[in-house]
Amino acid sequence: MSSSIETSVAGTVADTTSSTEGLRNLYYARFGFAIVWAALLILTAATLTPVSIALLVIYPLFDVTAAVIDFRTSGTARPKAPLYINMAASLLTALGLAVAVTSGIPDVLRVWGVWAITAGIVQLIVAILRYRLGGQWAMILSGAISTLAGASFIAGAGAPNPALVPLAGYATLGGIFFLISAIRLHLRTAETR
């Protein structure tokens, strides 16, 4: 009986370590993507051009991809329902942005704002559920800030000169939070070895 308990505990530790390493690598990738994306958006954000439109649609599609990778690699740390919600919301956002770009920057900001609020709430829930893994306080903070940023994007859509540049700042800050979480998970993994 005790050997099966020991095997179960060893399996749980191995699953947690594998989950942590998978999340860490995903967080590093999300940081890199966010920084490159933000820089490219800043260069093209003056108006809606084919390049800026492509960037706007690619961002939530990357988020769908990241959520799928998260789902597949996170093992026992996988909060299924919130990840499914995130995948659906990001996919709907990509479609919504593809339509909103035909109406102009204000509608793009409204769609992005609703997504930021939804994604922020989901990120907050996922991070709270994963808190025991460590490195999640930055994700909790990022989720909370995302909901506030989403509200500001919606409000900014009604401004006299709405702009896309704040989306680059949003992505940069989110990327920094992913980097912080990746480093914390990296350090935690090193401590357990």
C-alpha atoms as a PDB file:
ATOM      1  CA  MET A   1       0.000   0.000   0.000  1.00  0.00           C
ATOM      2  CA  SER A   2       2.737   2.483   0.888  1.00  0.00           C
ATOM      3  CA  SER A   3       4.546   1.916  -2.417  1.00  0.00           C
ATOM      4  CA  SER A   4       1.431   2.914  -4.346  1.00  0.00           C
ATOM      5  CA  ILE A   5       1.134   6.050  -2.219  1.00  0.00           C
ATOM      6  CA  GLU A   6       4.810   6.852  -2.806  1.00  0.00           C
ATOM      7  CA  THR A   7       4.378   6.273  -6.545  1.00  0.00           C
ATOM      8  CA  SER A   8       1.333   8.525  -6.556  1.00  0.00           C
ATOM      9  CA  VAL A   9       3.184  11.281  -4.697  1.00  0.00           C
ATOM     10  CA  ALA A  10       6.217  10.949  -6.987  1.00  0.00           C
ATOM     11  CA  GLY A  11       3.929  11.113 -10.020  1.00  0.00           C
ATOM     12  CA  THR A  12       2.240  14.239  -8.654  1.00  0.00           C
ATOM     13  CA  VAL A  13       5.612  15.922  -8.058  1.00  0.00           C
ATOM     14  CA  ALA A  14       6.772  14.976 -11.568  1.00  0.00           C
ATOM     15  CA  ASP A  15       3.477  16.250 -13.060  1.00  0.00           C
ATOM     16  CA  THR A  16       3.808  19.530 -11.163  1.00  0.00           C
ATOM     17  CA  THR A  17       7.430  19.975 -12.264  1.00  0.00           C
ATOM     18  CA  SER A  18       6.494  19.219 -15.877  1.00  0.00           C
ATOM     19  CA  SER A  19       3.541  21.632 -15.643  1.00  0.00           C
ATOM     20  CA  THR A  20       5.769  24.310 -14.180  1.00  0.00           C
ATOM     21  CA  GLU A  21       8.397  23.901 -16.898  1.00  0.00           C
ATOM     22  CA  GLY A  22       5.744  23.953 -19.633  1.00  0.00           C
ATOM     23  CA  LEU A  23       4.168  27.113 -18.217  1.00  0.00           C
ATOM     24  CA  ARG A  24       7.563  28.737 -17.780  1.00  0.00           C
ATOM     25  CA  ASN A  25       8.487  28.138 -21.422  1.00  0.00           C
ATOM     26  CA  LEU A  26       5.088  29.325 -22.599  1.00  0.00           C
ATOM     27  CA  TYR A  27       5.414  32.485 -20.499  1.00  0.00           C
ATOM     28  CA  TYR A  28       8.844  33.231 -22.015  1.00  0.00           C
ATOM     29  CA  ALA A  29       7.370  32.810 -25.512  1.00  0.00           C
ATOM     30  CA  ARG A  30       4.430  35.050 -24.660  1.00  0.00           C
ATOM     31  CA  PHE A  31       6.820  37.730 -23.399  1.00  0.00           C
ATOM     32  CA  GLY A  32       8.847  37.638 -26.622  1.00  0.00           C
ATOM     33  CA  PHE A  33       5.763  37.732 -28.812  1.00  0.00           C
ATOM     34  CA  ALA A  34       4.207  40.634 -26.876  1.00  0.00           C
ATOM     35  CA  ILE A  35       7.340  42.780 -27.118  1.00  0.00           C
ATOM     36  CA  VAL A  36       7.845  42.192 -30.843  1.00  0.00           C
ATOM     37  CA  TRP A  37       4.129  42.682 -31.531  1.00  0.00           C
ATOM     38  CA  ALA A  38       4.026  45.942 -29.558  1.00  0.00           C
ATOM     39  CA  ALA A  39       7.051  47.333 -31.401  1.00  0.00           C
ATOM     40  CA  LEU A  40       5.515  46.484 -34.771  1.00  0.00           C
ATOM     41  CA  LEU A  41       2.166  47.984 -33.790  1.00  0.00           C
ATOM     42  CA  ILE A  42       3.812  51.237 -32.693  1.00  0.00           C
ATOM     43  CA  LEU A  43       5.460  51.480 -36.110  1.00  0.00           C
ATOM     44  CA  THR A  44       2.148  50.949 -37.939  1.00  0.00           C
ATOM     45  CA  ALA A  45      -0.508  52.304 -35.545  1.00  0.00           C
ATOM     46  CA  ALA A  46      -1.125  55.732 -37.068  1.00  0.00           C
ATOM     47  CA  THR A  47      -3.943  54.363 -39.229  1.00  0.00           C
ATOM     48  CA  LEU A  48      -5.576  51.086 -40.081  1.00  0.00           C
ATOM     49  CA  THR A  49      -3.365  49.645 -42.787  1.00  0.00           C
ATOM     50  CA  PRO A  50      -3.108  46.044 -43.958  1.00  0.00           C
ATOM     51  CA  VAL A  51      -0.103  45.569 -41.656  1.00  0.00           C
ATOM     52  CA  SER A  52      -1.747  47.065 -38.555  1.00  0.00           C
ATOM     53  CA  ILE A  53      -4.953  45.122 -39.296  1.00  0.00           C
ATOM     54  CA  ALA A  54      -2.975  41.888 -39.580  1.00  0.00           C
ATOM     55  CA  LEU A  55      -1.231  42.648 -36.286  1.00  0.00           C
ATOM     56  CA  LEU A  56      -4.549  43.350 -34.563  1.00  0.00           C
ATOM     57  CA  VAL A  57      -6.041  40.039 -35.696  1.00  0.00           C
ATOM     58  CA  ILE A  58      -2.858  38.027 -35.076  1.00  0.00           C
ATOM     59  CA  TYR A  59      -2.638  38.992 -31.387  1.00  0.00           C
ATOM     60  CA  PRO A  60      -5.827  37.197 -30.242  1.00  0.00           C
ATOM     61  CA  LEU A  61      -5.032  34.283 -32.574  1.00  0.00           C
ATOM     62  CA  PHE A  62      -1.674  33.955 -30.828  1.00  0.00           C
ATOM     63  CA  ASP A  63      -3.579  33.998 -27.542  1.00  0.00           C
ATOM     64  CA  VAL A  64      -5.747  31.093 -28.768  1.00  0.00           C
ATOM     65  CA  THR A  65      -2.595  29.180 -29.699  1.00  0.00           C
ATOM     66  CA  ALA A  66      -1.010  29.932 -26.322  1.00  0.00           C
ATOM     67  CA  ALA A  67      -4.157  28.750 -24.510  1.00  0.00           C
ATOM     68  CA  VAL A  68      -4.137  25.487 -26.488  1.00  0.00           C
ATOM     69  CA  ILE A  69      -0.454  24.957 -25.659  1.00  0.00           C
ATOM     70  CA  ASP A  70      -1.176  25.827 -22.029  1.00  0.00           C
ATOM     71  CA  PHE A  71      -4.027  23.314 -21.979  1.00  0.00           C
ATOM     72  CA  ARG A  72      -1.849  20.558 -23.448  1.00  0.00           C
ATOM     73  CA  THR A  73       1.229  21.157 -21.307  1.00  0.00           C
ATOM     74  CA  SER A  74      -0.143  22.208 -17.952  1.00  0.00           C
ATOM     75  CA  GLY A  75      -1.114  18.711 -16.795  1.00  0.00           C
ATOM     76  CA  THR A  76      -2.519  18.712 -13.267  1.00  0.00           C
ATOM     77  CA  ALA A  77      -2.366  22.516 -13.121  1.00  0.00           C
ATOM     78  CA  ARG A  78      -4.870  22.728 -15.976  1.00  0.00           C
ATOM     79  CA  PRO A  79      -8.014  24.683 -15.111  1.00  0.00           C
ATOM     80  CA  LYS A  80     -10.123  23.352 -18.006  1.00  0.00           C
ATOM     81  CA  ALA A  81     -13.183  25.603 -18.050  1.00  0.00           C
ATOM     82  CA  PRO A  82     -11.320  28.952 -17.869  1.00  0.00           C
ATOM     83  CA  LEU A  83      -8.904  27.864 -20.605  1.00  0.00           C
ATOM     84  CA  TYR A  84     -11.810  26.874 -22.860  1.00  0.00           C
ATOM     85  CA  ILE A  85     -13.438  30.247 -22.180  1.00  0.00           C
ATOM     86  CA  ASN A  86     -10.166  31.996 -23.022  1.00  0.00           C
ATOM     87  CA  MET A  87      -9.826  30.078 -26.292  1.00  0.00           C
ATOM     88  CA  ALA A  88     -13.386  30.916 -27.336  1.00  0.00           C
ATOM     89  CA  ALA A  89     -13.116  34.581 -26.313  1.00  0.00           C
ATOM     90  CA  SER A  90      -9.844  35.045 -28.182  1.00  0.00           C
ATOM     91  CA  LEU A  91     -11.157  33.380 -31.316  1.00  0.00           C
ATOM     92  CA  LEU A  92     -14.318  35.505 -31.226  1.00  0.00           C
ATOM     93  CA  THR A  93     -12.152  38.585 -30.695  1.00  0.00           C
ATOM     94  CA  ALA A  94     -10.072  37.829 -33.783  1.00  0.00           C
ATOM     95  CA  LEU A  95     -13.282  37.566 -35.792  1.00  0.00           C
ATOM     96  CA  GLY A  96     -14.698  40.699 -34.142  1.00  0.00           C
ATOM     97  CA  LEU A  97     -11.549  42.659 -34.917  1.00  0.00           C
ATOM     98  CA  ALA A  98     -11.627  41.525 -38.548  1.00  0.00           C
ATOM     99  CA  VAL A  99     -15.089  43.093 -38.768  1.00  0.00           C
ATOM    100  CA  ALA A 100     -14.372  46.128 -36.549  1.00  0.00           C
ATOM    101  CA  VAL A 101     -11.448  47.310 -38.688  1.00  0.00           C
ATOM    102  CA  THR A 102     -13.935  48.108 -41.449  1.00  0.00           C
ATOM    103  CA  SER A 103     -15.588  50.684 -39.151  1.00  0.00           C
ATOM    104  CA  GLY A 104     -12.450  52.335 -37.793  1.00  0.00           C
ATOM    105  CA  ILE A 105     -10.245  52.621 -34.737  1.00  0.00           C
ATOM    106  CA  PRO A 106     -13.064  53.355 -32.231  1.00  0.00           C
ATOM    107  CA  ASP A 107     -14.741  50.015 -32.952  1.00  0.00           C
ATOM    108  CA  VAL A 108     -11.388  48.243 -32.803  1.00  0.00           C
ATOM    109  CA  LEU A 109     -10.818  49.729 -29.348  1.00  0.00           C
ATOM    110  CA  ARG A 110     -14.298  48.648 -28.213  1.00  0.00           C
ATOM    111  CA  VAL A 111     -13.767  45.047 -29.343  1.00  0.00           C
ATOM    112  CA  TRP A 112     -10.274  44.984 -27.838  1.00  0.00           C
ATOM    113  CA  GLY A 113     -11.624  46.476 -24.614  1.00  0.00           C
ATOM    114  CA  VAL A 114     -14.305  43.824 -24.197  1.00  0.00           C
ATOM    115  CA  TRP A 115     -11.687  41.151 -24.867  1.00  0.00           C
ATOM    116  CA  ALA A 116      -9.230  42.683 -22.382  1.00  0.00           C
ATOM    117  CA  ILE A 117     -11.906  42.678 -19.691  1.00  0.00           C
ATOM    118  CA  THR A 118     -12.935  39.090 -20.410  1.00  0.00           C
ATOM    119  CA  ALA A 119      -9.370  37.812 -20.777  1.00  0.00           C
ATOM    120  CA  GLY A 120      -8.333  39.669 -17.626  1.00  0.00           C
ATOM    121  CA  ILE A 121     -11.063  38.010 -15.572  1.00  0.00           C
ATOM    122  CA  VAL A 122     -10.155  34.595 -16.996  1.00  0.00           C
ATOM    123  CA  GLN A 123      -6.439  35.193 -16.366  1.00  0.00           C
ATOM    124  CA  LEU A 124      -7.202  36.205 -12.803  1.00  0.00           C
ATOM    125  CA  ILE A 125      -9.200  33.007 -12.213  1.00  0.00           C
ATOM    126  CA  VAL A 126      -6.556  30.764 -13.806  1.00  0.00           C
ATOM    127  CA  ALA A 127      -3.756  32.390 -11.799  1.00  0.00           C
ATOM    128  CA  ILE A 128      -5.670  32.007  -8.539  1.00  0.00           C
ATOM    129  CA  LEU A 129      -6.307  28.328  -9.328  1.00  0.00           C
ATOM    130  CA  ARG A 130      -2.575  27.867 -10.068  1.00  0.00           C
ATOM    131  CA  TYR A 131      -1.297  29.872  -7.136  1.00  0.00           C
ATOM    132  CA  ARG A 132       0.327  26.816  -5.520  1.00  0.00           C
ATOM    133  CA  LEU A 133       2.695  26.495  -8.497  1.00  0.00           C
ATOM    134  CA  GLY A 134       4.314  29.796  -7.587  1.00  0.00           C
ATOM    135  CA  GLY A 135       5.034  32.730  -9.854  1.00  0.00           C
ATOM    136  CA  GLN A 136       1.347  33.503 -10.218  1.00  0.00           C
ATOM    137  CA  TRP A 137       1.118  36.794  -8.321  1.00  0.00           C
ATOM    138  CA  ALA A 138       2.230  38.608 -11.492  1.00  0.00           C
ATOM    139  CA  MET A 139      -0.510  36.833 -13.467  1.00  0.00           C
ATOM    140  CA  ILE A 140      -3.068  37.820 -10.818  1.00  0.00           C
ATOM    141  CA  LEU A 141      -1.949  41.434 -11.057  1.00  0.00           C
ATOM    142  CA  SER A 142      -1.893  41.260 -14.856  1.00  0.00           C
ATOM    143  CA  GLY A 143      -5.448  39.920 -14.964  1.00  0.00           C
ATOM    144  CA  ALA A 144      -6.691  42.697 -12.717  1.00  0.00           C
ATOM    145  CA  ILE A 145      -4.893  45.374 -14.751  1.00  0.00           C
ATOM    146  CA  SER A 146      -6.241  43.876 -17.989  1.00  0.00           C
ATOM    147  CA  THR A 147      -9.826  44.371 -16.824  1.00  0.00           C
ATOM    148  CA  LEU A 148      -9.100  48.012 -16.002  1.00  0.00           C
ATOM    149  CA  ALA A 149      -7.253  48.526 -19.286  1.00  0.00           C
ATOM    150  CA  GLY A 150     -10.184  47.050 -21.181  1.00  0.00           C
ATOM    151  CA  ALA A 151     -12.512  49.601 -19.628  1.00  0.00           C
ATOM    152  CA  SER A 152     -10.083  52.372 -20.585  1.00  0.00           C
ATOM    153  CA  PHE A 153      -9.975  51.137 -24.210  1.00  0.00           C
ATOM    154  CA  ILE A 154     -13.762  51.252 -24.380  1.00  0.00           C
ATOM    155  CA  ALA A 155     -13.774  54.743 -22.887  1.00  0.00           C
ATOM    156  CA  GLY A 156     -10.923  55.809 -25.198  1.00  0.00           C
ATOM    157  CA  ALA A 157     -12.960  54.759 -28.229  1.00  0.00           C
ATOM    158  CA  GLY A 158     -15.129  57.815 -27.644  1.00  0.00           C
ATOM    159  CA  ALA A 159     -12.192  60.223 -27.409  1.00  0.00           C
ATOM    160  CA  PRO A 160     -11.751  62.893 -30.095  1.00  0.00           C
ATOM    161  CA  ASN A 161      -8.675  61.156 -31.573  1.00  0.00           C
ATOM    162  CA  PRO A 162      -8.762  57.467 -30.629  1.00  0.00           C
ATOM    163  CA  ALA A 163      -5.454  55.694 -31.164  1.00  0.00           C
ATOM    164  CA  LEU A 164      -4.090  52.160 -31.350  1.00  0.00           C
ATOM    165  CA  VAL A 165      -0.831  52.962 -29.538  1.00  0.00           C
ATOM    166  CA  PRO A 166      -2.282  52.203 -26.063  1.00  0.00           C
ATOM    167  CA  LEU A 167      -2.731  48.607 -27.227  1.00  0.00           C
ATOM    168  CA  ALA A 168       1.045  48.376 -27.623  1.00  0.00           C
ATOM    169  CA  GLY A 169       1.508  49.539 -24.046  1.00  0.00           C
ATOM    170  CA  TYR A 170      -1.050  46.988 -22.892  1.00  0.00           C
ATOM    171  CA  ALA A 171       0.784  44.180 -24.707  1.00  0.00           C
ATOM    172  CA  THR A 172       4.163  45.330 -23.373  1.00  0.00           C
ATOM    173  CA  LEU A 173       2.958  45.389 -19.783  1.00  0.00           C
ATOM    174  CA  GLY A 174       1.324  41.978 -20.216  1.00  0.00           C
ATOM    175  CA  GLY A 175       4.572  40.661 -21.677  1.00  0.00           C
ATOM    176  CA  ILE A 176       6.523  41.963 -18.699  1.00  0.00           C
ATOM    177  CA  PHE A 177       4.134  40.168 -16.339  1.00  0.00           C
ATOM    178  CA  PHE A 178       4.642  36.961 -18.328  1.00  0.00           C
ATOM    179  CA  LEU A 179       8.413  37.430 -18.050  1.00  0.00           C
ATOM    180  CA  ILE A 180       8.202  37.937 -14.278  1.00  0.00           C
ATOM    181  CA  SER A 181       6.108  34.788 -13.905  1.00  0.00           C
ATOM    182  CA  ALA A 182       8.469  32.808 -16.150  1.00  0.00           C
ATOM    183  CA  ILE A 183      11.482  33.857 -14.077  1.00  0.00           C
ATOM    184  CA  ARG A 184       9.682  33.033 -10.817  1.00  0.00           C
ATOM    185  CA  LEU A 185       8.693  29.599 -12.157  1.00  0.00           C
ATOM    186  CA  HIS A 186      12.250  29.058 -13.405  1.00  0.00           C
ATOM    187  CA  LEU A 187      13.657  29.851  -9.956  1.00  0.00           C
ATOM    188  CA  ARG A 188      11.072  27.665  -8.234  1.00  0.00           C
ATOM    189  CA  THR A 189      11.910  24.725 -10.530  1.00  0.00           C
ATOM    190  CA  ALA A 190      15.616  25.191  -9.804  1.00  0.00           C
ATOM    191  CA  GLU A 191      14.934  25.190  -6.052  1.00  0.00           C
ATOM    192  CA  THR A 192      13.044  21.877  -6.194  1.00  0.00           C
ATOM    193  CA  ARG A 193      15.846  20.059  -8.022  1.00  0.00           C
END
